[in-house]
Amino acid sequence: MLILKRKLDERITIDTSDGQITIQVTQILAAEEGVHRSVKLGIEAPRHCRILREEVTPIAGDRP
C-alpha cells in the first residue's frame, strides 16, 4: 500500500491502460466531538471504471 499526504486541492493521478484516474482533496472537515477529522475526495475516472466504497459495497472475496 502506498500512503501519501495531500493538502487541500492537491491531486494524485494513477495511469492505467484504460486511461487516468485522478483523486483530489476537495475539502478537509474539522473534527467534531468524538469524531476524527475527515476529507472529501473528488475522483475522475473513465466512465467504465467502478468506484466503490468498501463500507457500503463489499469487494468480491472479502465476504466470510
PDB file of N, CA and C in Angstrom:
ATOM      1  N   MET A   1       0.843  -1.169   0.000  1.00  0.00           N
ATOM      2  CA  MET A   1       0.000   0.000   0.000  1.00  0.00           C
ATOM      3  C   MET A   1       0.895   1.241   0.000  1.00  0.00           C
ATOM      4  N   LEU A   2       0.586   2.162  -0.866  1.00  0.00           N
ATOM      5  CA  LEU A   2       1.278   3.445  -0.937  1.00  0.00           C
ATOM      6  C   LEU A   2       0.476   4.452  -0.125  1.00  0.00           C
ATOM      7  N   ILE A   3       1.122   5.145   0.811  1.00  0.00           N
ATOM      8  CA  ILE A   3       0.449   6.146   1.627  1.00  0.00           C
ATOM      9  C   ILE A   3       1.061   7.501   1.324  1.00  0.00           C
ATOM     10  N   LEU A   4       0.210   8.461   0.975  1.00  0.00           N
ATOM     11  CA  LEU A   4       0.657   9.801   0.614  1.00  0.00           C
ATOM     12  C   LEU A   4      -0.069  10.849   1.435  1.00  0.00           C
ATOM     13  N   LYS A   5       0.593  11.968   1.694  1.00  0.00           N
ATOM     14  CA  LYS A   5      -0.067  13.119   2.295  1.00  0.00           C
ATOM     15  C   LYS A   5      -0.451  14.070   1.176  1.00  0.00           C
ATOM     16  N   ARG A   6      -1.612  14.659   1.277  1.00  0.00           N
ATOM     17  CA  ARG A   6      -2.059  15.648   0.304  1.00  0.00           C
ATOM     18  C   ARG A   6      -2.692  16.805   1.051  1.00  0.00           C
ATOM     19  N   LYS A   7      -2.526  18.005   0.537  1.00  0.00           N
ATOM     20  CA  LYS A   7      -3.164  19.193   1.088  1.00  0.00           C
ATOM     21  C   LYS A   7      -4.404  19.496   0.272  1.00  0.00           C
ATOM     22  N   LEU A   8      -5.188  20.448   0.745  1.00  0.00           N
ATOM     23  CA  LEU A   8      -6.410  20.849   0.061  1.00  0.00           C
ATOM     24  C   LEU A   8      -6.106  21.195  -1.399  1.00  0.00           C
ATOM     25  N   ASP A   9      -6.914  20.674  -2.297  1.00  0.00           N
ATOM     26  CA  ASP A   9      -6.824  20.880  -3.754  1.00  0.00           C
ATOM     27  C   ASP A   9      -5.671  20.142  -4.429  1.00  0.00           C
ATOM     28  N   GLU A  10      -4.850  19.414  -3.685  1.00  0.00           N
ATOM     29  CA  GLU A  10      -3.790  18.636  -4.322  1.00  0.00           C
ATOM     30  C   GLU A  10      -4.372  17.349  -4.891  1.00  0.00           C
ATOM     31  N   ARG A  11      -3.716  16.837  -5.928  1.00  0.00           N
ATOM     32  CA  ARG A  11      -4.219  15.673  -6.662  1.00  0.00           C
ATOM     33  C   ARG A  11      -3.205  14.543  -6.697  1.00  0.00           C
ATOM     34  N   ILE A  12      -3.739  13.355  -6.923  1.00  0.00           N
ATOM     35  CA  ILE A  12      -2.949  12.163  -7.209  1.00  0.00           C
ATOM     36  C   ILE A  12      -3.498  11.618  -8.524  1.00  0.00           C
ATOM     37  N   THR A  13      -2.614  11.289  -9.451  1.00  0.00           N
ATOM     38  CA  THR A  13      -3.042  10.729 -10.732  1.00  0.00           C
ATOM     39  C   THR A  13      -2.476   9.322 -10.872  1.00  0.00           C
ATOM     40  N   ILE A  14      -3.347   8.389 -11.268  1.00  0.00           N
ATOM     41  CA  ILE A  14      -2.966   6.992 -11.472  1.00  0.00           C
ATOM     42  C   ILE A  14      -3.160   6.688 -12.949  1.00  0.00           C
ATOM     43  N   ASP A  15      -2.077   6.290 -13.618  1.00  0.00           N
ATOM     44  CA  ASP A  15      -2.165   5.903 -15.027  1.00  0.00           C
ATOM     45  C   ASP A  15      -2.537   4.433 -15.123  1.00  0.00           C
ATOM     46  N   THR A  16      -3.542   4.135 -15.922  1.00  0.00           N
ATOM     47  CA  THR A  16      -3.924   2.743 -16.183  1.00  0.00           C
ATOM     48  C   THR A  16      -3.949   2.532 -17.688  1.00  0.00           C
ATOM     49  N   SER A  17      -4.064   1.300 -18.105  1.00  0.00           N
ATOM     50  CA  SER A  17      -4.126   1.019 -19.541  1.00  0.00           C
ATOM     51  C   SER A  17      -5.409   1.563 -20.162  1.00  0.00           C
ATOM     52  N   ASP A  18      -6.425   1.846 -19.320  1.00  0.00           N
ATOM     53  CA  ASP A  18      -7.709   2.352 -19.807  1.00  0.00           C
ATOM     54  C   ASP A  18      -7.837   3.863 -19.687  1.00  0.00           C
ATOM     55  N   GLY A  19      -6.820   4.543 -19.181  1.00  0.00           N
ATOM     56  CA  GLY A  19      -6.887   5.987 -19.001  1.00  0.00           C
ATOM     57  C   GLY A  19      -6.411   6.372 -17.616  1.00  0.00           C
ATOM     58  N   GLN A  20      -6.571   7.637 -17.277  1.00  0.00           N
ATOM     59  CA  GLN A  20      -6.099   8.134 -15.999  1.00  0.00           C
ATOM     60  C   GLN A  20      -7.221   8.215 -14.971  1.00  0.00           C
ATOM     61  N   ILE A  21      -6.856   7.985 -13.719  1.00  0.00           N
ATOM     62  CA  ILE A  21      -7.752   8.183 -12.586  1.00  0.00           C
ATOM     63  C   ILE A  21      -7.113   9.275 -11.745  1.00  0.00           C
ATOM     64  N   THR A  22      -7.875  10.335 -11.454  1.00  0.00           N
ATOM     65  CA  THR A  22      -7.373  11.449 -10.669  1.00  0.00           C
ATOM     66  C   THR A  22      -8.183  11.565  -9.391  1.00  0.00           C
ATOM     67  N   ILE A  23      -7.488  11.681  -8.272  1.00  0.00           N
ATOM     68  CA  ILE A  23      -8.126  11.836  -6.969  1.00  0.00           C
ATOM     69  C   ILE A  23      -7.664  13.169  -6.399  1.00  0.00           C
ATOM     70  N   GLN A  24      -8.621  14.004  -5.984  1.00  0.00           N
ATOM     71  CA  GLN A  24      -8.308  15.328  -5.468  1.00  0.00           C
ATOM     72  C   GLN A  24      -8.954  15.536  -4.106  1.00  0.00           C
ATOM     73  N   VAL A  25      -8.197  16.127  -3.177  1.00  0.00           N
ATOM     74  CA  VAL A  25      -8.757  16.502  -1.879  1.00  0.00           C
ATOM     75  C   VAL A  25      -9.557  17.783  -2.118  1.00  0.00           C
ATOM     76  N   THR A  26     -10.884  17.715  -1.944  1.00  0.00           N
ATOM     77  CA  THR A  26     -11.745  18.864  -2.219  1.00  0.00           C
ATOM     78  C   THR A  26     -12.151  19.619  -0.965  1.00  0.00           C
ATOM     79  N   GLN A  27     -12.097  18.955   0.188  1.00  0.00           N
ATOM     80  CA  GLN A  27     -12.464  19.623   1.429  1.00  0.00           C
ATOM     81  C   GLN A  27     -11.882  18.845   2.599  1.00  0.00           C
ATOM     82  N   ILE A  28     -11.416  19.572   3.607  1.00  0.00           N
ATOM     83  CA  ILE A  28     -10.946  18.956   4.846  1.00  0.00           C
ATOM     84  C   ILE A  28     -11.940  19.352   5.926  1.00  0.00           C
ATOM     85  N   LEU A  29     -12.579  18.356   6.515  1.00  0.00           N
ATOM     86  CA  LEU A  29     -13.622  18.603   7.508  1.00  0.00           C
ATOM     87  C   LEU A  29     -13.032  18.627   8.909  1.00  0.00           C
ATOM     88  N   ALA A  30     -13.441  19.584   9.695  1.00  0.00           N
ATOM     89  CA  ALA A  30     -12.947  19.705  11.072  1.00  0.00           C
ATOM     90  C   ALA A  30     -13.471  18.558  11.922  1.00  0.00           C
ATOM     91  N   ALA A  31     -12.701  18.225  12.929  1.00  0.00           N
ATOM     92  CA  ALA A  31     -13.109  17.167  13.848  1.00  0.00           C
ATOM     93  C   ALA A  31     -14.271  17.650  14.709  1.00  0.00           C
ATOM     94  N   GLU A  32     -15.210  16.763  14.930  1.00  0.00           N
ATOM     95  CA  GLU A  32     -16.317  17.036  15.842  1.00  0.00           C
ATOM     96  C   GLU A  32     -16.067  16.214  17.094  1.00  0.00           C
ATOM     97  N   GLU A  33     -16.809  16.495  18.134  1.00  0.00           N
ATOM     98  CA  GLU A  33     -16.604  15.782  19.397  1.00  0.00           C
ATOM     99  C   GLU A  33     -16.737  14.275  19.196  1.00  0.00           C
ATOM    100  N   GLY A  34     -15.676  13.559  19.506  1.00  0.00           N
ATOM    101  CA  GLY A  34     -15.686  12.105  19.396  1.00  0.00           C
ATOM    102  C   GLY A  34     -15.516  11.577  17.976  1.00  0.00           C
ATOM    103  N   VAL A  35     -15.327  12.468  16.998  1.00  0.00           N
ATOM    104  CA  VAL A  35     -15.192  12.052  15.595  1.00  0.00           C
ATOM    105  C   VAL A  35     -13.863  12.577  15.060  1.00  0.00           C
ATOM    106  N   HIS A  36     -13.131  11.735  14.361  1.00  0.00           N
ATOM    107  CA  HIS A  36     -11.858  12.143  13.773  1.00  0.00           C
ATOM    108  C   HIS A  36     -12.084  13.065  12.581  1.00  0.00           C
ATOM    109  N   ARG A  37     -11.060  13.830  12.246  1.00  0.00           N
ATOM    110  CA  ARG A  37     -11.130  14.658  11.044  1.00  0.00           C
ATOM    111  C   ARG A  37     -11.276  13.747   9.829  1.00  0.00           C
ATOM    112  N   SER A  38     -11.870  14.279   8.799  1.00  0.00           N
ATOM    113  CA  SER A  38     -12.001  13.506   7.570  1.00  0.00           C
ATOM    114  C   SER A  38     -11.843  14.443   6.381  1.00  0.00           C
ATOM    115  N   VAL A  39     -11.770  13.868   5.199  1.00  0.00           N
ATOM    116  CA  VAL A  39     -11.621  14.656   3.974  1.00  0.00           C
ATOM    117  C   VAL A  39     -12.703  14.252   2.978  1.00  0.00           C
ATOM    118  N   LYS A  40     -13.011  15.170   2.077  1.00  0.00           N
ATOM    119  CA  LYS A  40     -13.861  14.853   0.936  1.00  0.00           C
ATOM    120  C   LYS A  40     -12.942  14.734  -0.265  1.00  0.00           C
ATOM    121  N   LEU A  41     -13.168  13.691  -1.058  1.00  0.00           N
ATOM    122  CA  LEU A  41     -12.349  13.432  -2.234  1.00  0.00           C
ATOM    123  C   LEU A  41     -13.179  13.558  -3.497  1.00  0.00           C
ATOM    124  N   GLY A  42     -12.589  14.100  -4.524  1.00  0.00           N
ATOM    125  CA  GLY A  42     -13.187  14.103  -5.855  1.00  0.00           C
ATOM    126  C   GLY A  42     -12.418  13.104  -6.692  1.00  0.00           C
ATOM    127  N   ILE A  43     -13.126  12.275  -7.459  1.00  0.00           N
ATOM    128  CA  ILE A  43     -12.478  11.237  -8.260  1.00  0.00           C
ATOM    129  C   ILE A  43     -12.926  11.383  -9.707  1.00  0.00           C
ATOM    130  N   GLU A  44     -11.958  11.500 -10.606  1.00  0.00           N
ATOM    131  CA  GLU A  44     -12.226  11.499 -12.045  1.00  0.00           C
ATOM    132  C   GLU A  44     -11.653  10.211 -12.611  1.00  0.00           C
ATOM    133  N   ALA A  45     -12.479   9.471 -13.337  1.00  0.00           N
ATOM    134  CA  ALA A  45     -12.045   8.195 -13.894  1.00  0.00           C
ATOM    135  C   ALA A  45     -12.814   7.932 -15.180  1.00  0.00           C
ATOM    136  N   PRO A  46     -12.282   7.050 -16.036  1.00  0.00           N
ATOM    137  CA  PRO A  46     -13.043   6.672 -17.218  1.00  0.00           C
ATOM    138  C   PRO A  46     -14.430   6.159 -16.805  1.00  0.00           C
ATOM    139  N   ARG A  47     -15.426   6.427 -17.608  1.00  0.00           N
ATOM    140  CA  ARG A  47     -16.815   6.110 -17.277  1.00  0.00           C
ATOM    141  C   ARG A  47     -17.017   4.636 -16.913  1.00  0.00           C
ATOM    142  N   HIS A  48     -16.285   3.739 -17.555  1.00  0.00           N
ATOM    143  CA  HIS A  48     -16.496   2.300 -17.305  1.00  0.00           C
ATOM    144  C   HIS A  48     -15.855   1.821 -15.993  1.00  0.00           C
ATOM    145  N   CYS A  49     -15.073   2.655 -15.313  1.00  0.00           N
ATOM    146  CA  CYS A  49     -14.464   2.268 -14.032  1.00  0.00           C
ATOM    147  C   CYS A  49     -15.495   2.341 -12.920  1.00  0.00           C
ATOM    148  N   ARG A  50     -15.587   1.289 -12.142  1.00  0.00           N
ATOM    149  CA  ARG A  50     -16.479   1.286 -10.980  1.00  0.00           C
ATOM    150  C   ARG A  50     -15.707   1.832  -9.789  1.00  0.00           C
ATOM    151  N   ILE A  51     -16.309   2.749  -9.070  1.00  0.00           N
ATOM    152  CA  ILE A  51     -15.704   3.307  -7.869  1.00  0.00           C
ATOM    153  C   ILE A  51     -16.595   2.899  -6.708  1.00  0.00           C
ATOM    154  N   LEU A  52     -16.054   2.087  -5.815  1.00  0.00           N
ATOM    155  CA  LEU A  52     -16.843   1.512  -4.724  1.00  0.00           C
ATOM    156  C   LEU A  52     -16.330   1.993  -3.380  1.00  0.00           C
ATOM    157  N   ARG A  53     -17.236   2.241  -2.464  1.00  0.00           N
ATOM    158  CA  ARG A  53     -16.881   2.499  -1.065  1.00  0.00           C
ATOM    159  C   ARG A  53     -16.967   1.169  -0.345  1.00  0.00           C
ATOM    160  N   GLU A  54     -15.876   0.717   0.181  1.00  0.00           N
ATOM    161  CA  GLU A  54     -15.798  -0.622   0.776  1.00  0.00           C
ATOM    162  C   GLU A  54     -16.806  -0.824   1.901  1.00  0.00           C
ATOM    163  N   GLU A  55     -17.075   0.222   2.703  1.00  0.00           N
ATOM    164  CA  GLU A  55     -18.004   0.045   3.817  1.00  0.00           C
ATOM    165  C   GLU A  55     -19.445  -0.092   3.347  1.00  0.00           C
ATOM    166  N   VAL A  56     -19.724   0.269   2.092  1.00  0.00           N
ATOM    167  CA  VAL A  56     -21.081   0.169   1.552  1.00  0.00           C
ATOM    168  C   VAL A  56     -21.230  -1.063   0.655  1.00  0.00           C
ATOM    169  N   THR A  57     -20.242  -1.299  -0.182  1.00  0.00           N
ATOM    170  CA  THR A  57     -20.279  -2.407  -1.131  1.00  0.00           C
ATOM    171  C   THR A  57     -19.057  -3.287  -0.927  1.00  0.00           C
ATOM    172  N   PRO A  58     -19.196  -4.426  -0.252  1.00  0.00           N
ATOM    173  CA  PRO A  58     -18.041  -5.296  -0.052  1.00  0.00           C
ATOM    174  C   PRO A  58     -17.410  -5.708  -1.377  1.00  0.00           C
ATOM    175  N   ILE A  59     -16.109  -5.742  -1.418  1.00  0.00           N
ATOM    176  CA  ILE A  59     -15.379  -6.148  -2.616  1.00  0.00           C
ATOM    177  C   ILE A  59     -15.392  -7.672  -2.682  1.00  0.00           C
ATOM    178  N   ALA A  60     -15.545  -8.230  -3.879  1.00  0.00           N
ATOM    179  CA  ALA A  60     -15.588  -9.691  -4.047  1.00  0.00           C
ATOM    180  C   ALA A  60     -14.384 -10.314  -3.365  1.00  0.00           C
ATOM    181  N   GLY A  61     -14.605 -11.374  -2.634  1.00  0.00           N
ATOM    182  CA  GLY A  61     -13.533 -12.069  -1.944  1.00  0.00           C
ATOM    183  C   GLY A  61     -13.361 -11.615  -0.508  1.00  0.00           C
ATOM    184  N   ASP A  62     -14.016 -10.509  -0.125  1.00  0.00           N
ATOM    185  CA  ASP A  62     -13.910 -10.008   1.246  1.00  0.00           C
ATOM    186  C   ASP A  62     -14.988 -10.553   2.156  1.00  0.00           C
ATOM    187  N   ARG A  63     -15.947 -11.254   1.598  1.00  0.00           N
ATOM    188  CA  ARG A  63     -17.044 -11.788   2.424  1.00  0.00           C
ATOM    189  C   ARG A  63     -16.607 -13.061   3.107  1.00  0.00           C
ATOM    190  N   PRO A  64     -17.100 -13.295   4.333  1.00  0.00           N
ATOM    191  CA  PRO A  64     -16.734 -14.529   5.065  1.00  0.00           C
ATOM    192  C   PRO A  64     -17.308 -15.772   4.417  1.00  0.00           C
TER     193      PRO A  64
END
